[in-house]
PDB file of all heavy atoms in Angstrom:
ATOM      1  N   LEU A   1       0.825  -1.181  -0.056  1.00  0.00           N
ATOM      2  CA  LEU A   1      -0.038   0.070   0.010  1.00  0.00           C
ATOM      3  C   LEU A   1       0.905   1.246   0.008  1.00  0.00           C
ATOM      4  O   LEU A   1       1.708   1.436   0.807  1.00  0.00           O
ATOM      5  CB  LEU A   1      -0.916   0.029   1.311  1.00  0.00           C
ATOM      6  CG  LEU A   1      -1.799   1.290   1.265  1.00  0.00           C
ATOM      7  CD1 LEU A   1      -2.821   1.254   0.213  1.00  0.00           C
ATOM      8  CD2 LEU A   1      -2.565   1.291   2.747  1.00  0.00           C
ATOM      9  N   LEU A   2       0.560   2.187  -0.940  1.00  0.00           N
ATOM     10  CA  LEU A   2       1.342   3.448  -0.956  1.00  0.00           C
ATOM     11  C   LEU A   2       0.828   4.257   0.182  1.00  0.00           C
ATOM     12  O   LEU A   2      -0.370   4.545   0.324  1.00  0.00           O
ATOM     13  CB  LEU A   2       0.951   4.154  -2.374  1.00  0.00           C
ATOM     14  CG  LEU A   2       1.895   5.392  -2.616  1.00  0.00           C
ATOM     15  CD1 LEU A   2       2.024   5.570  -4.099  1.00  0.00           C
ATOM     16  CD2 LEU A   2       1.285   6.579  -2.023  1.00  0.00           C
ATOM     17  N   LEU A   3       1.720   4.700   1.104  1.00  0.00           N
ATOM     18  CA  LEU A   3       1.474   5.459   2.273  1.00  0.00           C
ATOM     19  C   LEU A   3       1.681   6.936   2.106  1.00  0.00           C
ATOM     20  O   LEU A   3       1.024   7.782   2.711  1.00  0.00           O
ATOM     21  CB  LEU A   3       2.234   4.859   3.399  1.00  0.00           C
ATOM     22  CG  LEU A   3       2.102   3.441   3.750  1.00  0.00           C
ATOM     23  CD1 LEU A   3       3.011   3.020   4.916  1.00  0.00           C
ATOM     24  CD2 LEU A   3       0.558   3.266   4.199  1.00  0.00           C
ATOM     25  N   GLY A   4       2.625   7.295   1.243  1.00  0.00           N
ATOM     26  CA  GLY A   4       3.027   8.692   1.156  1.00  0.00           C
ATOM     27  C   GLY A   4       4.321   8.917   0.434  1.00  0.00           C
ATOM     28  O   GLY A   4       4.809   7.969  -0.235  1.00  0.00           O
ATOM     29  N   MET A   5       5.089  10.101   0.694  1.00  0.00           N
ATOM     30  CA  MET A   5       6.321  10.250  -0.010  1.00  0.00           C
ATOM     31  C   MET A   5       7.185  10.985   1.071  1.00  0.00           C
ATOM     32  O   MET A   5       6.793  11.648   1.975  1.00  0.00           O
ATOM     33  CB  MET A   5       6.096  11.085  -1.224  1.00  0.00           C
ATOM     34  CG  MET A   5       5.462  10.282  -2.394  1.00  0.00           C
ATOM     35  SD  MET A   5       5.501  11.001  -3.920  1.00  0.00           S
ATOM     36  CE  MET A   5       7.303  11.118  -4.397  1.00  0.00           C
ATOM     37  N   ILE A   6       8.551  10.888   0.733  1.00  0.00           N
ATOM     38  CA  ILE A   6       9.439  11.571   1.528  1.00  0.00           C
ATOM     39  C   ILE A   6      10.527  12.068   0.562  1.00  0.00           C
ATOM     40  O   ILE A   6      10.848  11.365  -0.513  1.00  0.00           O
ATOM     41  CB  ILE A   6      10.085  10.782   2.663  1.00  0.00           C
ATOM     42  CG1 ILE A   6      11.095  11.533   3.600  1.00  0.00           C
ATOM     43  CG2 ILE A   6      10.743   9.486   2.035  1.00  0.00           C
ATOM     44  CD1 ILE A   6      11.476  10.862   4.860  1.00  0.00           C
ATOM     45  N   GLU A   7      11.171  13.216   0.795  1.00  0.00           N
ATOM     46  CA  GLU A   7      12.174  13.765  -0.137  1.00  0.00           C
ATOM     47  C   GLU A   7      13.252  14.414   0.656  1.00  0.00           C
ATOM     48  O   GLU A   7      12.976  14.970   1.674  1.00  0.00           O
ATOM     49  CB  GLU A   7      11.630  14.774  -1.190  1.00  0.00           C
ATOM     50  CG  GLU A   7      12.589  15.352  -2.097  1.00  0.00           C
ATOM     51  CD  GLU A   7      11.904  16.226  -3.195  1.00  0.00           C
ATOM     52  OE1 GLU A   7      10.636  16.388  -3.121  1.00  0.00           O
ATOM     53  OE2 GLU A   7      12.637  16.750  -3.971  1.00  0.00           O
ATOM     54  N   PHE A   8      14.438  14.360   0.176  1.00  0.00           N
ATOM     55  CA  PHE A   8      15.537  15.233   0.693  1.00  0.00           C
ATOM     56  C   PHE A   8      16.261  15.866  -0.446  1.00  0.00           C
ATOM     57  O   PHE A   8      16.262  15.449  -1.594  1.00  0.00           O
ATOM     58  CB  PHE A   8      16.506  14.524   1.612  1.00  0.00           C
ATOM     59  CG  PHE A   8      17.391  13.485   1.043  1.00  0.00           C
ATOM     60  CD1 PHE A   8      18.649  13.848   0.553  1.00  0.00           C
ATOM     61  CD2 PHE A   8      16.979  12.115   0.974  1.00  0.00           C
ATOM     62  CE1 PHE A   8      19.526  12.958  -0.027  1.00  0.00           C
ATOM     63  CE2 PHE A   8      17.935  11.230   0.341  1.00  0.00           C
ATOM     64  CZ  PHE A   8      19.127  11.596  -0.089  1.00  0.00           C
ATOM     65  N   ARG A   9      16.722  17.060  -0.184  1.00  0.00           N
ATOM     66  CA  ARG A   9      17.543  17.904  -1.017  1.00  0.00           C
ATOM     67  C   ARG A   9      18.919  18.153  -0.318  1.00  0.00           C
ATOM     68  O   ARG A   9      18.837  18.532   0.791  1.00  0.00           O
ATOM     69  CB  ARG A   9      16.814  19.244  -1.294  1.00  0.00           C
ATOM     70  CG  ARG A   9      15.452  19.041  -2.124  1.00  0.00           C
ATOM     71  CD  ARG A   9      14.567  20.100  -2.128  1.00  0.00           C
ATOM     72  NE  ARG A   9      13.978  20.421  -0.751  1.00  0.00           N
ATOM     73  CZ  ARG A   9      13.082  19.684  -0.038  1.00  0.00           C
ATOM     74  NH1 ARG A   9      12.682  18.666  -0.596  1.00  0.00           N
ATOM     75  NH2 ARG A   9      12.660  20.102   1.100  1.00  0.00           N
ATOM     76  N   VAL A  10      19.958  18.135  -1.109  1.00  0.00           N
ATOM     77  CA  VAL A  10      21.182  18.330  -0.561  1.00  0.00           C
ATOM     78  C   VAL A  10      21.719  19.669  -1.086  1.00  0.00           C
ATOM     79  O   VAL A  10      21.614  20.082  -2.218  1.00  0.00           O
ATOM     80  CB  VAL A  10      22.303  17.290  -1.099  1.00  0.00           C
ATOM     81  CG1 VAL A  10      23.664  17.493  -0.597  1.00  0.00           C
ATOM     82  CG2 VAL A  10      21.808  15.888  -0.570  1.00  0.00           C
ATOM     83  N   ASP A  11      22.172  20.503  -0.031  1.00  0.00           N
ATOM     84  CA  ASP A  11      22.718  21.813  -0.292  1.00  0.00           C
ATOM     85  C   ASP A  11      24.102  21.775   0.403  1.00  0.00           C
ATOM     86  O   ASP A  11      24.217  21.977   1.564  1.00  0.00           O
ATOM     87  CB  ASP A  11      21.919  22.868   0.238  1.00  0.00           C
ATOM     88  CG  ASP A  11      22.437  24.243   0.105  1.00  0.00           C
ATOM     89  OD1 ASP A  11      23.324  24.511  -0.773  1.00  0.00           O
ATOM     90  OD2 ASP A  11      22.029  25.232   0.780  1.00  0.00           O
ATOM     91  N   ASP A  12      25.208  21.638  -0.466  1.00  0.00           N
ATOM     92  CA  ASP A  12      26.592  21.670  -0.014  1.00  0.00           C
ATOM     93  C   ASP A  12      26.722  20.448   1.076  1.00  0.00           C
ATOM     94  O   ASP A  12      26.685  19.323   0.722  1.00  0.00           O
ATOM     95  CB  ASP A  12      26.884  23.027   0.518  1.00  0.00           C
ATOM     96  CG  ASP A  12      28.447  23.193   0.565  1.00  0.00           C
ATOM     97  OD1 ASP A  12      29.192  22.456   0.013  1.00  0.00           O
ATOM     98  OD2 ASP A  12      28.809  24.122   1.231  1.00  0.00           O
ATOM     99  N   PHE A  13      26.956  20.837   2.357  1.00  0.00           N
ATOM    100  CA  PHE A  13      27.126  19.944   3.320  1.00  0.00           C
ATOM    101  C   PHE A  13      25.935  19.544   4.176  1.00  0.00           C
ATOM    102  O   PHE A  13      26.051  18.851   5.257  1.00  0.00           O
ATOM    103  CB  PHE A  13      28.233  20.480   4.372  1.00  0.00           C
ATOM    104  CG  PHE A  13      27.792  21.827   4.968  1.00  0.00           C
ATOM    105  CD1 PHE A  13      27.148  21.792   6.110  1.00  0.00           C
ATOM    106  CD2 PHE A  13      28.119  23.014   4.229  1.00  0.00           C
ATOM    107  CE1 PHE A  13      26.734  22.942   6.670  1.00  0.00           C
ATOM    108  CE2 PHE A  13      27.711  24.199   4.751  1.00  0.00           C
ATOM    109  CZ  PHE A  13      26.970  24.145   6.032  1.00  0.00           C
ATOM    110  N   LYS A  14      24.782  19.918   3.738  1.00  0.00           N
ATOM    111  CA  LYS A  14      23.516  19.679   4.618  1.00  0.00           C
ATOM    112  C   LYS A  14      22.414  19.119   3.651  1.00  0.00           C
ATOM    113  O   LYS A  14      22.405  19.349   2.502  1.00  0.00           O
ATOM    114  CB  LYS A  14      23.088  20.980   5.338  1.00  0.00           C
ATOM    115  CG  LYS A  14      22.898  22.109   4.409  1.00  0.00           C
ATOM    116  CD  LYS A  14      22.698  23.393   5.328  1.00  0.00           C
ATOM    117  CE  LYS A  14      22.503  24.594   4.540  1.00  0.00           C
ATOM    118  NZ  LYS A  14      23.628  25.156   3.964  1.00  0.00           N
ATOM    119  N   ALA A  15      21.543  18.442   4.361  1.00  0.00           N
ATOM    120  CA  ALA A  15      20.333  17.785   3.658  1.00  0.00           C
ATOM    121  C   ALA A  15      19.037  18.355   4.319  1.00  0.00           C
ATOM    122  O   ALA A  15      19.055  18.399   5.514  1.00  0.00           O
ATOM    123  CB  ALA A  15      20.376  16.312   3.564  1.00  0.00           C
ATOM    124  N   GLU A  16      18.108  18.651   3.663  1.00  0.00           N
ATOM    125  CA  GLU A  16      16.783  19.074   4.116  1.00  0.00           C
ATOM    126  C   GLU A  16      15.730  18.159   3.647  1.00  0.00           C
ATOM    127  O   GLU A  16      15.633  17.834   2.460  1.00  0.00           O
ATOM    128  CB  GLU A  16      16.403  20.539   3.765  1.00  0.00           C
ATOM    129  CG  GLU A  16      15.148  21.004   4.485  1.00  0.00           C
ATOM    130  CD  GLU A  16      14.864  22.439   4.217  1.00  0.00           C
ATOM    131  OE1 GLU A  16      15.383  23.273   5.003  1.00  0.00           O
ATOM    132  OE2 GLU A  16      14.169  22.803   3.331  1.00  0.00           O
ATOM    133  N   PHE A  17      14.812  17.744   4.600  1.00  0.00           N
ATOM    134  CA  PHE A  17      13.786  16.696   4.345  1.00  0.00           C
ATOM    135  C   PHE A  17      12.473  17.365   4.362  1.00  0.00           C
ATOM    136  O   PHE A  17      12.205  18.250   5.110  1.00  0.00           O
ATOM    137  CB  PHE A  17      13.856  15.650   5.519  1.00  0.00           C
ATOM    138  CG  PHE A  17      15.079  14.769   5.305  1.00  0.00           C
ATOM    139  CD1 PHE A  17      16.312  15.219   5.893  1.00  0.00           C
ATOM    140  CD2 PHE A  17      14.936  13.582   4.687  1.00  0.00           C
ATOM    141  CE1 PHE A  17      17.387  14.440   5.750  1.00  0.00           C
ATOM    142  CE2 PHE A  17      16.109  12.769   4.596  1.00  0.00           C
ATOM    143  CZ  PHE A  17      17.398  13.179   5.120  1.00  0.00           C
ATOM    144  N   GLY A  18      11.496  16.762   3.556  1.00  0.00           N
ATOM    145  CA  GLY A  18      10.140  17.057   3.596  1.00  0.00           C
ATOM    146  C   GLY A  18       9.433  15.777   3.280  1.00  0.00           C
ATOM    147  O   GLY A  18       9.963  14.730   2.805  1.00  0.00           O
ATOM    148  N   TYR A  19       8.118  15.669   3.852  1.00  0.00           N
ATOM    149  CA  TYR A  19       7.386  14.464   3.718  1.00  0.00           C
ATOM    150  C   TYR A  19       5.904  14.710   3.812  1.00  0.00           C
ATOM    151  O   TYR A  19       5.450  15.720   4.246  1.00  0.00           O
ATOM    152  CB  TYR A  19       7.873  13.408   4.745  1.00  0.00           C
ATOM    153  CG  TYR A  19       7.932  13.996   6.229  1.00  0.00           C
ATOM    154  CD1 TYR A  19       6.768  14.270   6.893  1.00  0.00           C
ATOM    155  CD2 TYR A  19       9.172  14.332   6.646  1.00  0.00           C
ATOM    156  CE1 TYR A  19       6.917  14.756   8.268  1.00  0.00           C
ATOM    157  CE2 TYR A  19       9.315  14.920   8.036  1.00  0.00           C
ATOM    158  CZ  TYR A  19       8.189  15.034   8.765  1.00  0.00           C
ATOM    159  OH  TYR A  19       8.311  15.543  10.066  1.00  0.00           O
ATOM    160  N   VAL A  20       5.180  13.595   3.373  1.00  0.00           N
ATOM    161  CA  VAL A  20       3.726  13.679   3.399  1.00  0.00           C
ATOM    162  C   VAL A  20       3.208  12.247   3.541  1.00  0.00           C
ATOM    163  O   VAL A  20       3.797  11.235   3.064  1.00  0.00           O
ATOM    164  CB  VAL A  20       3.169  14.425   2.146  1.00  0.00           C
ATOM    165  CG1 VAL A  20       3.536  13.717   0.905  1.00  0.00           C
ATOM    166  CG2 VAL A  20       1.589  14.609   2.291  1.00  0.00           C
ATOM    167  N   LEU A  21       2.168  12.087   4.313  1.00  0.00           N
ATOM    168  CA  LEU A  21       1.558  10.772   4.622  1.00  0.00           C
ATOM    169  C   LEU A  21       0.085  10.781   4.428  1.00  0.00           C
ATOM    170  O   LEU A  21      -0.564  11.784   4.993  1.00  0.00           O
ATOM    171  CB  LEU A  21       1.976  10.378   5.955  1.00  0.00           C
ATOM    172  CG  LEU A  21       1.898   8.911   6.454  1.00  0.00           C
ATOM    173  CD1 LEU A  21       2.840   8.011   5.492  1.00  0.00           C
ATOM    174  CD2 LEU A  21       2.225   8.855   8.051  1.00  0.00           C
ATOM    175  N   ALA A  22      -0.530   9.742   3.751  1.00  0.00           N
ATOM    176  CA  ALA A  22      -1.887   9.642   3.604  1.00  0.00           C
ATOM    177  C   ALA A  22      -2.597   9.629   5.020  1.00  0.00           C
ATOM    178  O   ALA A  22      -2.038   9.064   5.970  1.00  0.00           O
ATOM    179  CB  ALA A  22      -2.315   8.338   2.934  1.00  0.00           C
ATOM    180  N   ARG A  23      -3.700  10.213   5.190  1.00  0.00           N
ATOM    181  CA  ARG A  23      -4.392  10.346   6.499  1.00  0.00           C
ATOM    182  C   ARG A  23      -4.568   9.038   7.261  1.00  0.00           C
ATOM    183  O   ARG A  23      -4.393   8.978   8.455  1.00  0.00           O
ATOM    184  CB  ARG A  23      -5.614  11.060   6.285  1.00  0.00           C
ATOM    185  CG  ARG A  23      -6.186  11.563   7.697  1.00  0.00           C
ATOM    186  CD  ARG A  23      -7.511  12.354   7.688  1.00  0.00           C
ATOM    187  NE  ARG A  23      -7.924  12.917   6.465  1.00  0.00           N
ATOM    188  CZ  ARG A  23      -9.041  13.580   6.311  1.00  0.00           C
ATOM    189  NH1 ARG A  23      -9.773  13.717   7.264  1.00  0.00           N
ATOM    190  NH2 ARG A  23      -9.299  14.101   5.154  1.00  0.00           N
ATOM    191  N   ASP A  24      -4.933   8.068   6.484  1.00  0.00           N
ATOM    192  CA  ASP A  24      -5.162   6.760   7.182  1.00  0.00           C
ATOM    193  C   ASP A  24      -3.914   6.054   7.731  1.00  0.00           C
ATOM    194  O   ASP A  24      -3.926   5.064   8.409  1.00  0.00           O
ATOM    195  CB  ASP A  24      -5.962   5.740   6.316  1.00  0.00           C
ATOM    196  CG  ASP A  24      -5.275   5.299   5.105  1.00  0.00           C
ATOM    197  OD1 ASP A  24      -4.105   5.602   4.859  1.00  0.00           O
ATOM    198  OD2 ASP A  24      -5.933   4.619   4.245  1.00  0.00           O
ATOM    199  N   ALA A  25      -2.718   6.633   7.423  1.00  0.00           N
ATOM    200  CA  ALA A  25      -1.413   6.023   7.841  1.00  0.00           C
ATOM    201  C   ALA A  25      -0.833   6.946   9.038  1.00  0.00           C
ATOM    202  O   ALA A  25       0.129   6.538   9.543  1.00  0.00           O
ATOM    203  CB  ALA A  25      -0.500   5.995   6.733  1.00  0.00           C
ATOM    204  N   TRP A  26      -1.519   7.950   9.371  1.00  0.00           N
ATOM    205  CA  TRP A  26      -1.140   8.853  10.428  1.00  0.00           C
ATOM    206  C   TRP A  26      -1.024   8.050  11.761  1.00  0.00           C
ATOM    207  O   TRP A  26      -1.916   7.255  12.058  1.00  0.00           O
ATOM    208  CB  TRP A  26      -1.878  10.100  10.660  1.00  0.00           C
ATOM    209  CG  TRP A  26      -1.829  11.115   9.556  1.00  0.00           C
ATOM    210  CD1 TRP A  26      -1.070  11.002   8.390  1.00  0.00           C
ATOM    211  CD2 TRP A  26      -2.624  12.231   9.353  1.00  0.00           C
ATOM    212  NE1 TRP A  26      -1.250  12.121   7.586  1.00  0.00           N
ATOM    213  CE2 TRP A  26      -2.245  12.955   8.152  1.00  0.00           C
ATOM    214  CE3 TRP A  26      -3.708  12.846  10.181  1.00  0.00           C
ATOM    215  CZ2 TRP A  26      -2.766  14.143   7.802  1.00  0.00           C
ATOM    216  CZ3 TRP A  26      -4.179  14.031   9.805  1.00  0.00           C
ATOM    217  CH2 TRP A  26      -3.770  14.616   8.500  1.00  0.00           C
TER     218      TRP A  26
END
């Protein structure tokens, strides 16, 4: 079952994360 997504972006020496989850998986 697809629950959501997660992503990270790298900027030089650091990474920043974002994510989203379907409500029934909270």
